[in-house]
Amino acid sequence: MSEMQALEKFSHSVHTVFTDIDDTLTDEGTLRPEAYESLWRLHEAGIKVIPVTGRPAGWCEMIARFWPVHGVIGENGGFYFRYADRKMKRHFVFDEKTMAKNRESLEQVRYEVLRNVRGSAVASDQFSRLMDLAIDFAEDVGPLSDADIDKIVAIFEKHGAVAKVSSIHVNGWFGDYDKLSMTKLYCKNELGFTFDDENSKGAIAFCGDSPNDEPMFKAFKSSFAVANIVKFADRLKSKPAFVANLSGGHGFVQIANQILATRK
C-alpha cells in the first residue's frame, strides 16, 4: 500500500475536481469563507467542481443552483443534479416507484436501529432525502462509540441494505450503486469523457476526508485528503495519494491552491 505524499509532490494538470463536503469543505459543520472562496477560484480558473456527498436531495437542489459548481452527486450516488441554462437536470438511479418501495423498507431499519442503539438518532436532514436513510452518530448526537456504529451498520446489512460510515452519519440504502458509479456516469453524461481516459492522465481529481471515501481514493490517480484522514490511516487499505497538512476546509484551500498552481 503506497504512502500518502505531501501536496507539494503533486504535479498533474487537473480540469475537474470531485469533492466530498462534510469535514472536507467544512470545519465543525460550517462552510467557512476561505473554503467557499476556493470553490470560486477553481470555478473562475475554468476547473469544474462536482461535490460528491451523502447529503440529501433537498440540499443538493440548493447546491446545484447556488454554488459555483458544475453539478452535484448526492445521497452517496443515488442521483446527480445539474443546473445549467436556467434548467435543473435531475438523474436518478431508480424510478419513483422503486424509491418509494425502498423508503418503506428503510422504515423497518430505522425502527430497529433506534430501538437497539441507544443515543442514535435519525439525521436532521432526513426529511430532505429520497434514496437513503441517514443515522446520526456524531452531528447532533454523541459521538457514539465504534461498537455502536458497527451495530448500526450490522442492522442495515441484516436487512440487505448497503451501509457506509461517514464522519457524522451511517448512510444506508438498497441498490447496487455508490459514489464512484455515479461519478463515472456523470463523466460520460455531463462532461463528455470517459472516467478511465481522463483518470489515466491524472486530469480529474477527488478530495475526501474519511474511510467512506476509500473507494474514491482507490479509483482516482489524483486523489487528495485533508489532514483529518491521518487518524484513520491505519484502517485504510487504499489511501489517498496526497494529503494536506490542515484539516477540513483549511486543508481543502491547500489542495485547491496546489491544483491551481500546477494547472497548465
Protein backbone atom coordinates (compact mmCIF):
# COMPACT_ATOMS: atom_id res chain seq x y z
CA MET A 1 0.00 0.00 0.00
CA SER A 2 1.51 3.30 -1.08
CA GLU A 3 2.06 6.02 1.46
CA MET A 4 0.39 9.41 1.31
CA GLN A 5 2.56 12.16 -0.13
CA ALA A 6 2.73 15.87 0.66
CA LEU A 7 0.75 18.17 -1.62
CA GLU A 8 3.92 19.70 -3.00
CA LYS A 9 4.65 16.40 -4.76
CA PHE A 10 1.52 16.72 -6.93
CA SER A 11 2.21 17.89 -10.49
CA HIS A 12 -0.67 16.81 -12.79
CA SER A 13 -2.80 19.32 -14.66
CA VAL A 14 -6.40 18.93 -13.43
CA HIS A 15 -9.54 20.16 -15.21
CA THR A 16 -12.24 18.57 -13.00
CA VAL A 17 -12.46 18.17 -9.22
CA PHE A 18 -14.90 15.87 -7.44
CA THR A 19 -15.05 16.59 -3.70
CA ASP A 20 -16.70 15.42 -0.53
CA ILE A 21 -18.41 18.14 1.56
CA ASP A 22 -18.63 17.29 5.27
CA ASP A 23 -15.26 17.75 7.02
CA THR A 24 -13.60 18.20 3.63
CA LEU A 25 -15.08 21.57 2.70
CA THR A 26 -16.43 22.27 6.18
CA ASP A 27 -14.96 22.77 9.65
CA GLU A 28 -17.08 21.57 12.56
CA GLY A 29 -20.19 21.74 10.40
CA THR A 30 -19.54 25.22 9.00
CA LEU A 31 -18.61 26.17 5.44
CA ARG A 32 -16.09 28.91 6.10
CA PRO A 33 -15.41 31.77 3.64
CA GLU A 34 -11.91 30.53 2.80
CA ALA A 35 -13.18 27.18 1.52
CA TYR A 36 -16.08 28.73 -0.36
CA GLU A 37 -13.72 31.22 -1.94
CA SER A 38 -11.57 28.31 -3.13
CA LEU A 39 -14.59 26.85 -4.92
CA TRP A 40 -14.97 30.18 -6.70
CA ARG A 41 -11.28 30.37 -7.54
CA LEU A 42 -11.39 26.90 -9.11
CA HIS A 43 -14.56 27.81 -10.99
CA GLU A 44 -13.15 31.07 -12.31
CA ALA A 45 -10.00 29.26 -13.47
CA GLY A 46 -12.18 27.01 -15.63
CA ILE A 47 -11.86 23.96 -13.37
CA LYS A 48 -15.17 22.13 -12.99
CA VAL A 49 -16.13 21.22 -9.40
CA ILE A 50 -18.66 18.50 -8.58
CA PRO A 51 -19.44 17.83 -4.89
CA VAL A 52 -19.99 14.13 -4.17
CA THR A 53 -21.84 13.78 -0.89
CA GLY A 54 -24.06 11.71 1.34
CA ARG A 55 -26.20 14.77 1.92
CA PRO A 56 -29.85 14.77 0.77
CA ALA A 57 -31.69 15.75 -2.38
CA GLY A 58 -33.07 18.92 -0.78
CA TRP A 59 -29.58 20.18 -0.01
CA CYS A 60 -28.29 19.16 -3.45
CA GLU A 61 -31.01 21.16 -5.17
CA MET A 62 -29.69 24.30 -3.47
CA ILE A 63 -26.02 23.41 -4.02
CA ALA A 64 -26.50 22.78 -7.74
CA ARG A 65 -28.41 26.04 -8.14
CA PHE A 66 -26.38 28.45 -5.99
CA TRP A 67 -22.83 27.20 -5.50
CA PRO A 68 -20.10 27.71 -8.15
CA VAL A 69 -20.25 24.05 -9.19
CA HIS A 70 -20.82 22.15 -12.43
CA GLY A 71 -23.23 19.76 -10.71
CA VAL A 72 -23.62 17.68 -7.55
CA ILE A 73 -23.84 13.94 -6.81
CA GLY A 74 -25.96 13.24 -3.74
CA GLU A 75 -27.13 10.59 -1.31
CA ASN A 76 -24.00 8.54 -1.92
CA GLY A 77 -24.52 8.19 -5.66
CA GLY A 78 -28.29 7.81 -5.81
CA PHE A 79 -28.61 10.75 -8.19
CA TYR A 80 -26.97 13.79 -9.67
CA PHE A 81 -28.36 17.27 -10.22
CA ARG A 82 -27.01 19.82 -12.67
CA TYR A 83 -28.26 23.37 -13.11
CA ALA A 84 -27.41 24.91 -16.49
CA ASP A 85 -29.12 27.36 -18.84
CA ARG A 86 -31.67 28.08 -16.10
CA LYS A 87 -32.85 24.47 -16.08
CA MET A 88 -32.34 21.80 -13.41
CA LYS A 89 -31.45 18.35 -14.72
CA ARG A 90 -32.07 15.50 -12.26
CA HIS A 91 -30.86 11.96 -12.94
CA PHE A 92 -31.84 9.19 -10.50
CA VAL A 93 -30.66 5.58 -10.33
CA PHE A 94 -34.25 4.40 -9.73
CA ASP A 95 -37.73 5.46 -10.76
CA GLU A 96 -40.15 6.91 -8.19
CA LYS A 97 -41.97 3.59 -7.66
CA THR A 98 -38.74 1.81 -6.72
CA MET A 99 -37.63 4.69 -4.50
CA ALA A 100 -40.96 4.60 -2.64
CA LYS A 101 -40.65 0.84 -2.07
CA ASN A 102 -37.10 1.25 -0.78
CA ARG A 103 -38.18 4.01 1.62
CA GLU A 104 -40.78 1.65 3.10
CA SER A 105 -38.10 -0.99 3.69
CA LEU A 106 -35.78 1.59 5.26
CA GLU A 107 -38.51 2.43 7.78
CA GLN A 108 -38.05 -1.06 9.23
CA VAL A 109 -34.33 -0.40 9.55
CA ARG A 110 -34.97 2.95 11.21
CA TYR A 111 -37.26 1.37 13.81
CA GLU A 112 -34.74 -1.35 14.65
CA VAL A 113 -31.75 0.99 14.91
CA LEU A 114 -33.49 3.46 17.22
CA ARG A 115 -34.77 0.61 19.38
CA ASN A 116 -31.40 -1.12 19.72
CA VAL A 117 -28.71 1.59 19.58
CA ARG A 118 -29.12 3.97 22.47
CA GLY A 119 -28.14 7.57 21.68
CA SER A 120 -28.54 7.22 17.93
CA ALA A 121 -30.99 9.40 16.01
CA VAL A 122 -32.35 9.88 12.54
CA ALA A 123 -30.28 12.63 10.88
CA SER A 124 -31.89 16.06 10.98
CA ASP A 125 -31.76 16.28 7.19
CA GLN A 126 -33.71 13.03 6.67
CA PHE A 127 -36.87 14.88 5.63
CA SER A 128 -34.98 16.07 2.53
CA ARG A 129 -33.90 12.57 1.45
CA LEU A 130 -35.28 10.50 -1.42
CA MET A 131 -32.96 7.47 -1.64
CA ASP A 132 -31.43 6.58 1.71
CA LEU A 133 -31.67 6.59 5.49
CA ALA A 134 -29.11 8.57 7.49
CA ILE A 135 -28.50 7.68 11.13
CA ASP A 136 -26.73 10.36 13.12
CA PHE A 137 -23.92 9.30 15.45
CA ALA A 138 -21.81 12.47 15.66
CA GLU A 139 -23.54 15.53 14.16
CA ASP A 140 -26.33 16.42 16.60
CA VAL A 141 -25.83 13.48 18.99
CA GLY A 142 -22.97 11.54 20.54
CA PRO A 143 -20.43 10.90 19.30
CA LEU A 144 -21.26 7.23 19.67
CA SER A 145 -18.66 4.53 20.18
CA ASP A 146 -17.17 2.49 17.34
CA ALA A 147 -19.08 -0.51 18.71
CA ASP A 148 -22.38 1.34 18.40
CA ILE A 149 -21.51 2.48 14.88
CA ASP A 150 -20.71 -1.12 13.92
CA LYS A 151 -24.05 -2.18 15.41
CA ILE A 152 -25.90 0.35 13.21
CA VAL A 153 -24.06 -0.93 10.13
CA ALA A 154 -24.91 -4.53 11.05
CA ILE A 155 -28.62 -3.73 11.28
CA PHE A 156 -28.63 -2.15 7.82
CA GLU A 157 -26.78 -5.13 6.37
CA LYS A 158 -29.09 -7.63 8.09
CA HIS A 159 -31.95 -6.09 6.09
CA GLY A 160 -29.97 -6.37 2.85
CA ALA A 161 -29.04 -2.69 2.64
CA VAL A 162 -25.69 -1.15 1.79
CA ALA A 163 -24.26 0.86 4.70
CA LYS A 164 -21.45 3.41 4.64
CA VAL A 165 -19.94 5.31 7.56
CA SER A 166 -19.14 8.99 7.09
CA SER A 167 -17.62 11.31 9.67
CA ILE A 168 -21.09 12.01 11.14
CA HIS A 169 -23.68 9.54 9.80
CA VAL A 170 -24.24 5.94 8.84
CA ASN A 171 -25.99 6.10 5.47
CA GLY A 172 -27.86 3.06 4.22
CA TRP A 173 -29.71 2.29 1.01
CA PHE A 174 -30.95 -0.50 -1.23
CA GLY A 175 -29.38 -0.91 -4.65
CA ASP A 176 -26.13 -1.58 -6.44
CA TYR A 177 -24.78 1.96 -6.72
CA ASP A 178 -22.28 4.18 -4.94
CA LYS A 179 -20.42 7.48 -5.28
CA LEU A 180 -17.95 6.05 -7.77
CA SER A 181 -20.52 4.51 -10.12
CA MET A 182 -22.43 7.79 -10.34
CA THR A 183 -19.18 9.74 -10.76
CA LYS A 184 -18.36 7.63 -13.81
CA LEU A 185 -21.84 8.15 -15.22
CA TYR A 186 -21.58 11.90 -14.62
CA CYS A 187 -18.31 11.99 -16.56
CA LYS A 188 -19.97 10.28 -19.51
CA ASN A 189 -23.32 12.09 -19.49
CA GLU A 190 -22.39 15.61 -18.40
CA LEU A 191 -18.68 16.07 -19.03
CA GLY A 192 -18.36 14.23 -22.33
CA PHE A 193 -15.45 11.93 -21.50
CA THR A 194 -14.88 8.51 -20.00
CA PHE A 195 -13.63 8.33 -16.44
CA ASP A 196 -10.83 5.91 -17.29
CA ASP A 197 -9.41 8.06 -20.11
CA GLU A 198 -9.09 11.26 -18.08
CA ASN A 199 -8.19 9.49 -14.85
CA SER A 200 -5.23 7.79 -16.53
CA LYS A 201 -3.78 11.26 -17.17
CA GLY A 202 -4.42 12.38 -13.61
CA ALA A 203 -6.62 15.13 -15.09
CA ILE A 204 -9.58 14.52 -12.77
CA ALA A 205 -9.22 14.67 -9.00
CA PHE A 206 -11.06 13.67 -5.85
CA CYS A 207 -10.84 15.24 -2.38
CA GLY A 208 -12.08 13.49 0.76
CA ASP A 209 -11.59 13.08 4.48
CA SER A 210 -12.73 9.72 5.87
CA PRO A 211 -12.85 5.93 5.37
CA ASN A 212 -16.10 6.06 3.40
CA ASP A 213 -14.12 7.87 0.69
CA GLU A 214 -11.79 4.89 0.30
CA PRO A 215 -13.29 3.60 -2.98
CA MET A 216 -12.75 7.05 -4.47
CA PHE A 217 -9.18 7.23 -3.16
CA LYS A 218 -8.54 3.86 -4.77
CA ALA A 219 -10.10 4.79 -8.12
CA PHE A 220 -8.58 8.24 -8.65
CA LYS A 221 -4.97 8.68 -9.73
CA SER A 222 -5.12 12.28 -8.46
CA SER A 223 -6.65 11.63 -5.04
CA PHE A 224 -6.38 14.04 -2.13
CA ALA A 225 -7.40 14.13 1.50
CA VAL A 226 -7.48 16.81 4.13
CA ALA A 227 -5.50 16.10 7.30
CA ASN A 228 -8.49 14.53 9.06
CA ILE A 229 -7.61 11.34 7.20
CA VAL A 230 -4.42 10.81 9.20
CA LYS A 231 -6.31 9.48 12.23
CA PHE A 232 -7.85 6.77 10.01
CA ALA A 233 -4.65 5.88 8.14
CA ASP A 234 -4.16 2.51 9.85
CA ARG A 235 -7.68 1.44 8.84
CA LEU A 236 -7.33 2.31 5.15
CA LYS A 237 -6.47 -0.34 2.58
CA SER A 238 -6.45 2.35 -0.12
CA LYS A 239 -5.03 5.68 0.93
CA PRO A 240 -5.24 8.99 -0.92
CA ALA A 241 -2.16 9.76 -2.98
CA PHE A 242 -1.70 13.22 -1.47
CA VAL A 243 -2.62 14.75 1.88
CA ALA A 244 -2.89 18.32 3.13
CA ASN A 245 -1.37 19.25 6.46
CA LEU A 246 -4.50 21.12 7.59
CA SER A 247 -7.94 19.66 8.37
CA GLY A 248 -11.35 20.34 6.88
CA GLY A 249 -11.94 23.40 4.77
CA HIS A 250 -8.49 24.79 5.57
CA GLY A 251 -6.98 21.65 4.06
CA PHE A 252 -9.24 21.99 1.01
CA VAL A 253 -7.86 25.50 0.48
CA GLN A 254 -4.35 24.00 0.39
CA ILE A 255 -5.45 21.34 -2.10
CA ALA A 256 -7.17 23.91 -4.33
CA ASN A 257 -4.06 26.09 -4.25
CA GLN A 258 -1.87 23.17 -5.36
CA ILE A 259 -4.27 22.23 -8.18
CA LEU A 260 -4.31 25.82 -9.38
CA ALA A 261 -0.53 26.11 -9.15
CA THR A 262 0.10 23.00 -11.26
CA ARG A 263 -2.59 23.61 -13.88
CA LYS A 264 -1.22 24.03 -17.39
